[in-house]
């Protein structure tokens, strides 16, 4: 009897794992195709019915062609934008969240209510007014429109998430620190922020993914090829080609594989913080 139960349990797990593998393969199939086709030659990648695997020797030259001077230039611009967002958004969102939670000032509730209302505004609604502001102050065709706003919290949702964590901290810790002579900076950076690090890490990682994948921002504000980020630069490089040979589908696939590597590394390194941040955010909310 016990043996039959154990066999049924093993079979049940095997069926569940089989379906998980099947579903994963379904979603990963485009990435698998992209990976194998990155080893095609240009002529083979343009041939109809070329198949999944290279017919001859695997062409590693696609990656050498992908990592050219343009790719490195776009990558450098992207790094600047990512650093600004990964540093600016968690820092300023944490400062604003601490101010809303711990500091009493006139009009706090009104400002908080108005700021909460901005979460419900669709981004398309504010796109043109924000663009007009950057045009008027002369920031277009620079990296400023996609870096400086990161130092204003990166959206009130980030501030609200950190506020929920700060509100859950016991007040006795802060009162004891004040009795020991701690000032506001000590309270923020030595007590509060280390305790809410999971959600700050979540905001930082989300900022990285947003900046890495952002296409609309650089497309709207930048026209100089030397300032393009990877998303817009790669699009401009390949999808404005006149002939199919100039588009080089195999090099496009190799570029796509290369662009996937940094987000995968970040996700693997900060997977624990992401899971903790999402889990705790759900509990606090």
C-alpha atoms as a PDB file:
ATOM      1  CA  UNK A   1       0.000   0.000   0.000  1.00  0.00           C
ATOM      2  CA  UNK A   2       2.733   2.447   0.951  1.00  0.00           C
ATOM      3  CA  UNK A   3       4.706   1.453  -2.128  1.00  0.00           C
ATOM      4  CA  UNK A   4       1.778   2.178  -4.438  1.00  0.00           C
ATOM      5  CA  UNK A   5       1.301   5.570  -2.810  1.00  0.00           C
ATOM      6  CA  UNK A   6       4.974   6.364  -3.314  1.00  0.00           C
ATOM      7  CA  UNK A   7       4.738   5.311  -6.982  1.00  0.00           C
ATOM      8  CA  UNK A   8       1.639   7.489  -7.490  1.00  0.00           C
ATOM      9  CA  UNK A   9       3.415  10.427  -5.844  1.00  0.00           C
ATOM     10  CA  UNK A  10       6.433  10.011  -8.119  1.00  0.00           C
ATOM     11  CA  UNK A  11       4.213   9.734 -11.209  1.00  0.00           C
ATOM     12  CA  UNK A  12       2.258  12.823 -10.171  1.00  0.00           C
ATOM     13  CA  UNK A  13       5.469  14.825  -9.788  1.00  0.00           C
ATOM     14  CA  UNK A  14       6.769  13.517 -13.111  1.00  0.00           C
ATOM     15  CA  UNK A  15       3.595  14.664 -14.897  1.00  0.00           C
ATOM     16  CA  UNK A  16       3.777  18.093 -13.235  1.00  0.00           C
ATOM     17  CA  UNK A  17       7.453  18.522 -14.136  1.00  0.00           C
ATOM     18  CA  UNK A  18       6.754  17.366 -17.695  1.00  0.00           C
ATOM     19  CA  UNK A  19       4.130  20.064 -18.175  1.00  0.00           C
ATOM     20  CA  UNK A  20       6.419  22.668 -16.593  1.00  0.00           C
ATOM     21  CA  UNK A  21       9.213  21.722 -19.002  1.00  0.00           C
ATOM     22  CA  UNK A  22       6.778  21.781 -21.914  1.00  0.00           C
ATOM     23  CA  UNK A  23       5.475  25.244 -21.015  1.00  0.00           C
ATOM     24  CA  UNK A  24       9.033  26.532 -20.465  1.00  0.00           C
ATOM     25  CA  UNK A  25      10.135  25.176 -23.840  1.00  0.00           C
ATOM     26  CA  UNK A  26       7.154  26.906 -25.478  1.00  0.00           C
ATOM     27  CA  UNK A  27       8.111  30.316 -24.066  1.00  0.00           C
ATOM     28  CA  UNK A  28      11.853  29.802 -24.574  1.00  0.00           C
ATOM     29  CA  UNK A  29      11.532  28.598 -28.181  1.00  0.00           C
ATOM     30  CA  UNK A  30      11.996  32.088 -29.741  1.00  0.00           C
ATOM     31  CA  UNK A  31      15.169  32.556 -27.671  1.00  0.00           C
ATOM     32  CA  UNK A  32      16.432  29.118 -28.738  1.00  0.00           C
ATOM     33  CA  UNK A  33      15.822  30.012 -32.381  1.00  0.00           C
ATOM     34  CA  UNK A  34      17.604  33.341 -31.919  1.00  0.00           C
ATOM     35  CA  UNK A  35      20.598  31.626 -30.315  1.00  0.00           C
ATOM     36  CA  UNK A  36      21.105  28.997 -33.018  1.00  0.00           C
ATOM     37  CA  UNK A  37      20.450  31.369 -35.899  1.00  0.00           C
ATOM     38  CA  UNK A  38      23.128  33.694 -34.559  1.00  0.00           C
ATOM     39  CA  UNK A  39      25.630  31.111 -35.848  1.00  0.00           C
ATOM     40  CA  UNK A  40      24.302  31.225 -39.432  1.00  0.00           C
ATOM     41  CA  UNK A  41      26.143  32.946 -42.217  1.00  0.00           C
ATOM     42  CA  UNK A  42      24.418  35.967 -43.748  1.00  0.00           C
ATOM     43  CA  UNK A  43      23.550  34.038 -46.920  1.00  0.00           C
ATOM     44  CA  UNK A  44      22.119  31.113 -44.963  1.00  0.00           C
ATOM     45  CA  UNK A  45      20.096  33.384 -42.667  1.00  0.00           C
ATOM     46  CA  UNK A  46      18.454  34.940 -45.737  1.00  0.00           C
ATOM     47  CA  UNK A  47      17.538  31.574 -47.270  1.00  0.00           C
ATOM     48  CA  UNK A  48      13.909  30.508 -46.916  1.00  0.00           C
ATOM     49  CA  UNK A  49      13.511  27.247 -45.001  1.00  0.00           C
ATOM     50  CA  UNK A  50      17.024  27.372 -43.563  1.00  0.00           C
ATOM     51  CA  UNK A  51      16.017  25.351 -40.500  1.00  0.00           C
ATOM     52  CA  UNK A  52      17.012  25.714 -36.880  1.00  0.00           C
ATOM     53  CA  UNK A  53      20.667  24.627 -36.941  1.00  0.00           C
ATOM     54  CA  UNK A  54      23.468  25.812 -39.243  1.00  0.00           C
ATOM     55  CA  UNK A  55      23.885  23.476 -42.198  1.00  0.00           C
ATOM     56  CA  UNK A  56      27.661  23.842 -42.285  1.00  0.00           C
ATOM     57  CA  UNK A  57      30.251  25.126 -39.820  1.00  0.00           C
ATOM     58  CA  UNK A  58      29.016  27.355 -37.049  1.00  0.00           C
ATOM     59  CA  UNK A  59      29.733  30.994 -37.862  1.00  0.00           C
ATOM     60  CA  UNK A  60      31.175  32.658 -34.751  1.00  0.00           C
ATOM     61  CA  UNK A  61      31.924  35.756 -36.797  1.00  0.00           C
ATOM     62  CA  UNK A  62      28.397  37.022 -36.228  1.00  0.00           C
ATOM     63  CA  UNK A  63      29.360  37.959 -32.669  1.00  0.00           C
ATOM     64  CA  UNK A  64      32.535  39.688 -33.851  1.00  0.00           C
ATOM     65  CA  UNK A  65      30.416  41.724 -36.265  1.00  0.00           C
ATOM     66  CA  UNK A  66      27.858  42.472 -33.557  1.00  0.00           C
ATOM     67  CA  UNK A  67      30.428  43.862 -31.105  1.00  0.00           C
ATOM     68  CA  UNK A  68      31.575  46.723 -33.280  1.00  0.00           C
ATOM     69  CA  UNK A  69      32.321  50.361 -32.450  1.00  0.00           C
ATOM     70  CA  UNK A  70      28.635  51.296 -32.686  1.00  0.00           C
ATOM     71  CA  UNK A  71      27.630  48.572 -30.227  1.00  0.00           C
ATOM     72  CA  UNK A  72      30.278  49.676 -27.720  1.00  0.00           C
ATOM     73  CA  UNK A  73      29.220  53.312 -28.116  1.00  0.00           C
ATOM     74  CA  UNK A  74      25.557  52.484 -27.505  1.00  0.00           C
ATOM     75  CA  UNK A  75      26.520  50.242 -24.602  1.00  0.00           C
ATOM     76  CA  UNK A  76      28.489  53.056 -22.971  1.00  0.00           C
ATOM     77  CA  UNK A  77      25.533  55.431 -23.236  1.00  0.00           C
ATOM     78  CA  UNK A  78      23.258  52.762 -21.789  1.00  0.00           C
ATOM     79  CA  UNK A  79      25.592  52.274 -18.825  1.00  0.00           C
ATOM     80  CA  UNK A  80      25.427  56.000 -18.050  1.00  0.00           C
ATOM     81  CA  UNK A  81      21.631  55.899 -18.072  1.00  0.00           C
ATOM     82  CA  UNK A  82      21.547  52.709 -15.970  1.00  0.00           C
ATOM     83  CA  UNK A  83      23.928  54.093 -13.333  1.00  0.00           C
ATOM     84  CA  UNK A  84      21.837  57.247 -13.008  1.00  0.00           C
ATOM     85  CA  UNK A  85      18.629  55.245 -12.578  1.00  0.00           C
ATOM     86  CA  UNK A  86      20.002  52.531 -10.301  1.00  0.00           C
ATOM     87  CA  UNK A  87      21.565  55.126  -7.970  1.00  0.00           C
ATOM     88  CA  UNK A  88      19.037  57.941  -8.276  1.00  0.00           C
ATOM     89  CA  UNK A  89      15.714  56.131  -8.006  1.00  0.00           C
ATOM     90  CA  UNK A  90      16.313  54.071  -4.824  1.00  0.00           C
ATOM     91  CA  UNK A  91      18.142  56.934  -3.094  1.00  0.00           C
ATOM     92  CA  UNK A  92      15.627  59.698  -3.742  1.00  0.00           C
ATOM     93  CA  UNK A  93      12.617  57.389  -3.373  1.00  0.00           C
ATOM     94  CA  UNK A  94      13.969  56.313   0.027  1.00  0.00           C
ATOM     95  CA  UNK A  95      14.523  59.898   1.125  1.00  0.00           C
ATOM     96  CA  UNK A  96      11.027  60.938   0.028  1.00  0.00           C
ATOM     97  CA  UNK A  97       9.464  57.882   1.676  1.00  0.00           C
ATOM     98  CA  UNK A  98      11.238  58.663   4.945  1.00  0.00           C
ATOM     99  CA  UNK A  99      10.076  62.277   4.785  1.00  0.00           C
ATOM    100  CA  UNK A 100       6.443  61.302   4.163  1.00  0.00           C
ATOM    101  CA  UNK A 101       6.538  58.684   6.906  1.00  0.00           C
ATOM    102  CA  UNK A 102       8.618  60.241   9.682  1.00  0.00           C
ATOM    103  CA  UNK A 103       8.736  64.000   9.133  1.00  0.00           C
ATOM    104  CA  UNK A 104       5.708  66.119  10.017  1.00  0.00           C
ATOM    105  CA  UNK A 105       5.288  69.194   7.815  1.00  0.00           C
ATOM    106  CA  UNK A 106       2.422  71.390   6.651  1.00  0.00           C
ATOM    107  CA  UNK A 107       0.489  70.062   3.683  1.00  0.00           C
ATOM    108  CA  UNK A 108       1.921  66.548   3.951  1.00  0.00           C
ATOM    109  CA  UNK A 109      -1.457  64.822   3.501  1.00  0.00           C
ATOM    110  CA  UNK A 110      -2.430  67.027   0.550  1.00  0.00           C
ATOM    111  CA  UNK A 111       0.905  66.453  -1.212  1.00  0.00           C
ATOM    112  CA  UNK A 112       0.658  62.716  -0.542  1.00  0.00           C
ATOM    113  CA  UNK A 113      -2.892  62.531  -1.934  1.00  0.00           C
ATOM    114  CA  UNK A 114      -1.962  64.448  -5.089  1.00  0.00           C
ATOM    115  CA  UNK A 115       1.158  62.328  -5.576  1.00  0.00           C
ATOM    116  CA  UNK A 116      -0.861  59.120  -5.143  1.00  0.00           C
ATOM    117  CA  UNK A 117      -3.186  60.341  -7.856  1.00  0.00           C
ATOM    118  CA  UNK A 118      -0.292  60.473 -10.321  1.00  0.00           C
ATOM    119  CA  UNK A 119       0.012  56.675 -10.121  1.00  0.00           C
ATOM    120  CA  UNK A 120      -3.335  56.362 -11.911  1.00  0.00           C
ATOM    121  CA  UNK A 121      -2.286  58.647 -14.784  1.00  0.00           C
ATOM    122  CA  UNK A 122      -1.296  56.711 -17.943  1.00  0.00           C
ATOM    123  CA  UNK A 123       2.187  57.580 -19.167  1.00  0.00           C
ATOM    124  CA  UNK A 124       0.858  58.443 -22.628  1.00  0.00           C
ATOM    125  CA  UNK A 125      -1.093  61.314 -21.045  1.00  0.00           C
ATOM    126  CA  UNK A 126       2.025  63.025 -19.689  1.00  0.00           C
ATOM    127  CA  UNK A 127       4.309  62.230 -22.616  1.00  0.00           C
ATOM    128  CA  UNK A 128       3.688  65.369 -24.679  1.00  0.00           C
ATOM    129  CA  UNK A 129       3.712  67.875 -21.757  1.00  0.00           C
ATOM    130  CA  UNK A 130       6.962  66.393 -20.420  1.00  0.00           C
ATOM    131  CA  UNK A 131       8.484  66.495 -23.895  1.00  0.00           C
ATOM    132  CA  UNK A 132       7.475  70.165 -24.220  1.00  0.00           C
ATOM    133  CA  UNK A 133       9.175  70.937 -20.886  1.00  0.00           C
ATOM    134  CA  UNK A 134      12.436  69.328 -21.987  1.00  0.00           C
ATOM    135  CA  UNK A 135      12.289  71.182 -25.305  1.00  0.00           C
ATOM    136  CA  UNK A 136      11.767  74.512 -23.543  1.00  0.00           C
ATOM    137  CA  UNK A 137      14.738  74.023 -21.203  1.00  0.00           C
ATOM    138  CA  UNK A 138      16.968  72.791 -24.044  1.00  0.00           C
ATOM    139  CA  UNK A 139      17.539  69.219 -22.836  1.00  0.00           C
ATOM    140  CA  UNK A 140      16.530  67.422 -26.023  1.00  0.00           C
ATOM    141  CA  UNK A 141      19.256  65.540 -27.897  1.00  0.00           C
ATOM    142  CA  UNK A 142      21.089  64.934 -24.616  1.00  0.00           C
ATOM    143  CA  UNK A 143      21.015  62.151 -22.033  1.00  0.00           C
ATOM    144  CA  UNK A 144      19.566  64.505 -19.401  1.00  0.00           C
ATOM    145  CA  UNK A 145      15.858  63.674 -20.000  1.00  0.00           C
ATOM    146  CA  UNK A 146      16.498  59.971 -19.320  1.00  0.00           C
ATOM    147  CA  UNK A 147      18.920  60.426 -16.413  1.00  0.00           C
ATOM    148  CA  UNK A 148      17.955  63.489 -14.337  1.00  0.00           C
ATOM    149  CA  UNK A 149      14.311  62.392 -13.683  1.00  0.00           C
ATOM    150  CA  UNK A 150      15.716  59.316 -11.932  1.00  0.00           C
ATOM    151  CA  UNK A 151      16.805  61.619  -9.092  1.00  0.00           C
ATOM    152  CA  UNK A 152      13.171  62.517  -8.381  1.00  0.00           C
ATOM    153  CA  UNK A 153      12.095  59.117  -7.092  1.00  0.00           C
ATOM    154  CA  UNK A 154      11.384  57.420 -10.409  1.00  0.00           C
ATOM    155  CA  UNK A 155       7.623  57.608  -9.874  1.00  0.00           C
ATOM    156  CA  UNK A 156       5.548  57.767  -6.721  1.00  0.00           C
ATOM    157  CA  UNK A 157       4.923  54.020  -6.726  1.00  0.00           C
ATOM    158  CA  UNK A 158       8.540  53.459  -5.658  1.00  0.00           C
ATOM    159  CA  UNK A 159       8.084  55.955  -2.832  1.00  0.00           C
ATOM    160  CA  UNK A 160       4.843  54.337  -1.736  1.00  0.00           C
ATOM    161  CA  UNK A 161       6.365  50.848  -1.611  1.00  0.00           C
ATOM    162  CA  UNK A 162       9.241  52.004   0.591  1.00  0.00           C
ATOM    163  CA  UNK A 163       6.807  53.935   2.798  1.00  0.00           C
ATOM    164  CA  UNK A 164       4.892  50.722   3.503  1.00  0.00           C
ATOM    165  CA  UNK A 165       8.067  49.094   4.773  1.00  0.00           C
ATOM    166  CA  UNK A 166       9.105  52.044   6.899  1.00  0.00           C
ATOM    167  CA  UNK A 167       5.666  52.188   8.531  1.00  0.00           C
ATOM    168  CA  UNK A 168       6.032  48.574   9.632  1.00  0.00           C
ATOM    169  CA  UNK A 169       9.241  49.217  11.586  1.00  0.00           C
ATOM    170  CA  UNK A 170       8.864  49.405  15.389  1.00  0.00           C
ATOM    171  CA  UNK A 171       8.964  52.962  16.701  1.00  0.00           C
ATOM    172  CA  UNK A 172      10.937  51.873  19.764  1.00  0.00           C
ATOM    173  CA  UNK A 173      14.096  51.398  17.670  1.00  0.00           C
ATOM    174  CA  UNK A 174      14.033  54.974  16.442  1.00  0.00           C
ATOM    175  CA  UNK A 175      13.173  56.354  19.887  1.00  0.00           C
ATOM    176  CA  UNK A 176      16.104  54.466  21.423  1.00  0.00           C
ATOM    177  CA  UNK A 177      18.440  55.804  18.722  1.00  0.00           C
ATOM    178  CA  UNK A 178      17.248  59.374  19.362  1.00  0.00           C
ATOM    179  CA  UNK A 179      17.909  58.940  23.082  1.00  0.00           C
ATOM    180  CA  UNK A 180      21.449  57.848  22.180  1.00  0.00           C
ATOM    181  CA  UNK A 181      21.969  61.090  20.269  1.00  0.00           C
ATOM    182  CA  UNK A 182      21.281  59.969  16.688  1.00  0.00           C
ATOM    183  CA  UNK A 183      20.322  62.688  14.219  1.00  0.00           C
ATOM    184  CA  UNK A 184      18.085  62.401  11.156  1.00  0.00           C
ATOM    185  CA  UNK A 185      20.874  61.203   8.870  1.00  0.00           C
ATOM    186  CA  UNK A 186      21.860  58.477  11.333  1.00  0.00           C
ATOM    187  CA  UNK A 187      18.245  57.396  11.628  1.00  0.00           C
ATOM    188  CA  UNK A 188      17.866  57.156   7.878  1.00  0.00           C
ATOM    189  CA  UNK A 189      21.138  55.634   6.717  1.00  0.00           C
ATOM    190  CA  UNK A 190      22.166  53.534   9.734  1.00  0.00           C
ATOM    191  CA  UNK A 191      18.816  52.268  11.035  1.00  0.00           C
ATOM    192  CA  UNK A 192      15.886  52.676   8.632  1.00  0.00           C
ATOM    193  CA  UNK A 193      17.423  52.037   5.211  1.00  0.00           C
ATOM    194  CA  UNK A 194      19.331  48.855   6.217  1.00  0.00           C
ATOM    195  CA  UNK A 195      16.093  47.422   7.620  1.00  0.00           C
ATOM    196  CA  UNK A 196      14.133  48.142   4.437  1.00  0.00           C
ATOM    197  CA  UNK A 197      16.946  47.025   2.135  1.00  0.00           C
ATOM    198  CA  UNK A 198      14.849  44.297   0.377  1.00  0.00           C
ATOM    199  CA  UNK A 199      12.417  46.832  -1.085  1.00  0.00           C
ATOM    200  CA  UNK A 200      15.232  49.288  -1.904  1.00  0.00           C
ATOM    201  CA  UNK A 201      17.006  46.472  -3.762  1.00  0.00           C
ATOM    202  CA  UNK A 202      13.737  45.723  -5.560  1.00  0.00           C
ATOM    203  CA  UNK A 203      13.448  49.344  -6.691  1.00  0.00           C
ATOM    204  CA  UNK A 204      17.094  49.337  -7.856  1.00  0.00           C
ATOM    205  CA  UNK A 205      16.722  46.131  -9.887  1.00  0.00           C
ATOM    206  CA  UNK A 206      13.465  47.320 -11.431  1.00  0.00           C
ATOM    207  CA  UNK A 207      15.206  50.578 -12.319  1.00  0.00           C
ATOM    208  CA  UNK A 208      17.935  48.602 -14.073  1.00  0.00           C
ATOM    209  CA  UNK A 209      15.471  46.617 -16.171  1.00  0.00           C
ATOM    210  CA  UNK A 210      13.476  49.739 -17.035  1.00  0.00           C
ATOM    211  CA  UNK A 211      16.570  51.674 -18.121  1.00  0.00           C
ATOM    212  CA  UNK A 212      17.988  48.698 -20.047  1.00  0.00           C
ATOM    213  CA  UNK A 213      14.759  48.097 -21.982  1.00  0.00           C
ATOM    214  CA  UNK A 214      13.668  51.725 -22.370  1.00  0.00           C
ATOM    215  CA  UNK A 215      13.014  52.436 -26.028  1.00  0.00           C
ATOM    216  CA  UNK A 216      10.505  55.284 -26.046  1.00  0.00           C
ATOM    217  CA  UNK A 217      12.563  57.701 -23.941  1.00  0.00           C
ATOM    218  CA  UNK A 218      15.737  57.719 -26.081  1.00  0.00           C
ATOM    219  CA  UNK A 219      13.613  57.620 -29.248  1.00  0.00           C
ATOM    220  CA  UNK A 220      11.721  60.771 -28.216  1.00  0.00           C
ATOM    221  CA  UNK A 221      14.531  62.911 -26.874  1.00  0.00           C
ATOM    222  CA  UNK A 222      17.647  61.881 -28.818  1.00  0.00           C
ATOM    223  CA  UNK A 223      18.442  62.348 -32.499  1.00  0.00           C
ATOM    224  CA  UNK A 224      22.249  62.224 -32.387  1.00  0.00           C
ATOM    225  CA  UNK A 225      23.565  58.742 -33.208  1.00  0.00           C
ATOM    226  CA  UNK A 226      26.471  59.237 -30.781  1.00  0.00           C
ATOM    227  CA  UNK A 227      24.001  59.483 -27.865  1.00  0.00           C
ATOM    228  CA  UNK A 228      21.740  56.533 -28.701  1.00  0.00           C
ATOM    229  CA  UNK A 229      21.279  53.792 -26.126  1.00  0.00           C
ATOM    230  CA  UNK A 230      21.359  50.130 -27.135  1.00  0.00           C
ATOM    231  CA  UNK A 231      17.616  49.793 -27.712  1.00  0.00           C
ATOM    232  CA  UNK A 232      17.324  52.695 -30.162  1.00  0.00           C
ATOM    233  CA  UNK A 233      20.833  52.340 -31.596  1.00  0.00           C
ATOM    234  CA  UNK A 234      20.363  48.695 -32.556  1.00  0.00           C
ATOM    235  CA  UNK A 235      16.961  49.450 -34.049  1.00  0.00           C
ATOM    236  CA  UNK A 236      18.374  52.337 -36.069  1.00  0.00           C
ATOM    237  CA  UNK A 237      21.315  50.222 -37.204  1.00  0.00           C
ATOM    238  CA  UNK A 238      19.471  47.160 -38.499  1.00  0.00           C
ATOM    239  CA  UNK A 239      15.893  48.113 -39.254  1.00  0.00           C
ATOM    240  CA  UNK A 240      16.729  51.079 -41.446  1.00  0.00           C
ATOM    241  CA  UNK A 241      18.809  48.923 -43.802  1.00  0.00           C
ATOM    242  CA  UNK A 242      17.843  49.250 -47.444  1.00  0.00           C
ATOM    243  CA  UNK A 243      18.584  45.720 -48.706  1.00  0.00           C
ATOM    244  CA  UNK A 244      18.152  42.349 -46.922  1.00  0.00           C
ATOM    245  CA  UNK A 245      21.899  41.766 -47.108  1.00  0.00           C
ATOM    246  CA  UNK A 246      22.544  44.985 -45.203  1.00  0.00           C
ATOM    247  CA  UNK A 247      20.125  43.949 -42.441  1.00  0.00           C
ATOM    248  CA  UNK A 248      22.290  40.860 -41.680  1.00  0.00           C
ATOM    249  CA  UNK A 249      19.728  38.708 -39.801  1.00  0.00           C
ATOM    250  CA  UNK A 250      22.462  36.510 -38.290  1.00  0.00           C
ATOM    251  CA  UNK A 251      24.189  39.549 -36.767  1.00  0.00           C
ATOM    252  CA  UNK A 252      20.814  40.769 -35.496  1.00  0.00           C
ATOM    253  CA  UNK A 253      20.349  37.440 -33.718  1.00  0.00           C
ATOM    254  CA  UNK A 254      23.861  37.608 -32.231  1.00  0.00           C
ATOM    255  CA  UNK A 255      23.172  41.158 -31.023  1.00  0.00           C
ATOM    256  CA  UNK A 256      19.950  39.969 -29.416  1.00  0.00           C
ATOM    257  CA  UNK A 257      21.806  37.217 -27.564  1.00  0.00           C
ATOM    258  CA  UNK A 258      24.403  39.712 -26.312  1.00  0.00           C
ATOM    259  CA  UNK A 259      21.712  42.138 -25.123  1.00  0.00           C
ATOM    260  CA  UNK A 260      20.064  39.351 -23.126  1.00  0.00           C
ATOM    261  CA  UNK A 261      23.205  38.527 -21.123  1.00  0.00           C
ATOM    262  CA  UNK A 262      23.354  41.538 -18.703  1.00  0.00           C
ATOM    263  CA  UNK A 263      19.677  41.261 -17.579  1.00  0.00           C
ATOM    264  CA  UNK A 264      20.126  37.523 -17.051  1.00  0.00           C
ATOM    265  CA  UNK A 265      23.223  38.126 -14.913  1.00  0.00           C
ATOM    266  CA  UNK A 266      21.465  40.817 -12.855  1.00  0.00           C
ATOM    267  CA  UNK A 267      18.451  38.562 -12.333  1.00  0.00           C
ATOM    268  CA  UNK A 268      20.602  35.625 -11.195  1.00  0.00           C
ATOM    269  CA  UNK A 269      22.638  37.807  -8.825  1.00  0.00           C
ATOM    270  CA  UNK A 270      19.641  39.561  -7.262  1.00  0.00           C
ATOM    271  CA  UNK A 271      17.006  36.848  -7.542  1.00  0.00           C
ATOM    272  CA  UNK A 272      16.829  36.487  -3.767  1.00  0.00           C
ATOM    273  CA  UNK A 273      16.344  40.222  -3.239  1.00  0.00           C
ATOM    274  CA  UNK A 274      13.676  40.321  -5.949  1.00  0.00           C
ATOM    275  CA  UNK A 275      11.713  37.472  -4.413  1.00  0.00           C
ATOM    276  CA  UNK A 276      12.026  38.923  -0.901  1.00  0.00           C
ATOM    277  CA  UNK A 277      11.042  42.385  -2.086  1.00  0.00           C
ATOM    278  CA  UNK A 278       7.991  41.189  -4.014  1.00  0.00           C
ATOM    279  CA  UNK A 279       6.896  38.848  -1.204  1.00  0.00           C
ATOM    280  CA  UNK A 280       7.284  41.427   1.549  1.00  0.00           C
ATOM    281  CA  UNK A 281       5.700  44.123  -0.572  1.00  0.00           C
ATOM    282  CA  UNK A 282       2.620  41.940  -0.929  1.00  0.00           C
ATOM    283  CA  UNK A 283       2.507  41.380   2.818  1.00  0.00           C
ATOM    284  CA  UNK A 284       2.916  45.081   3.654  1.00  0.00           C
ATOM    285  CA  UNK A 285       0.280  46.121   1.137  1.00  0.00           C
END
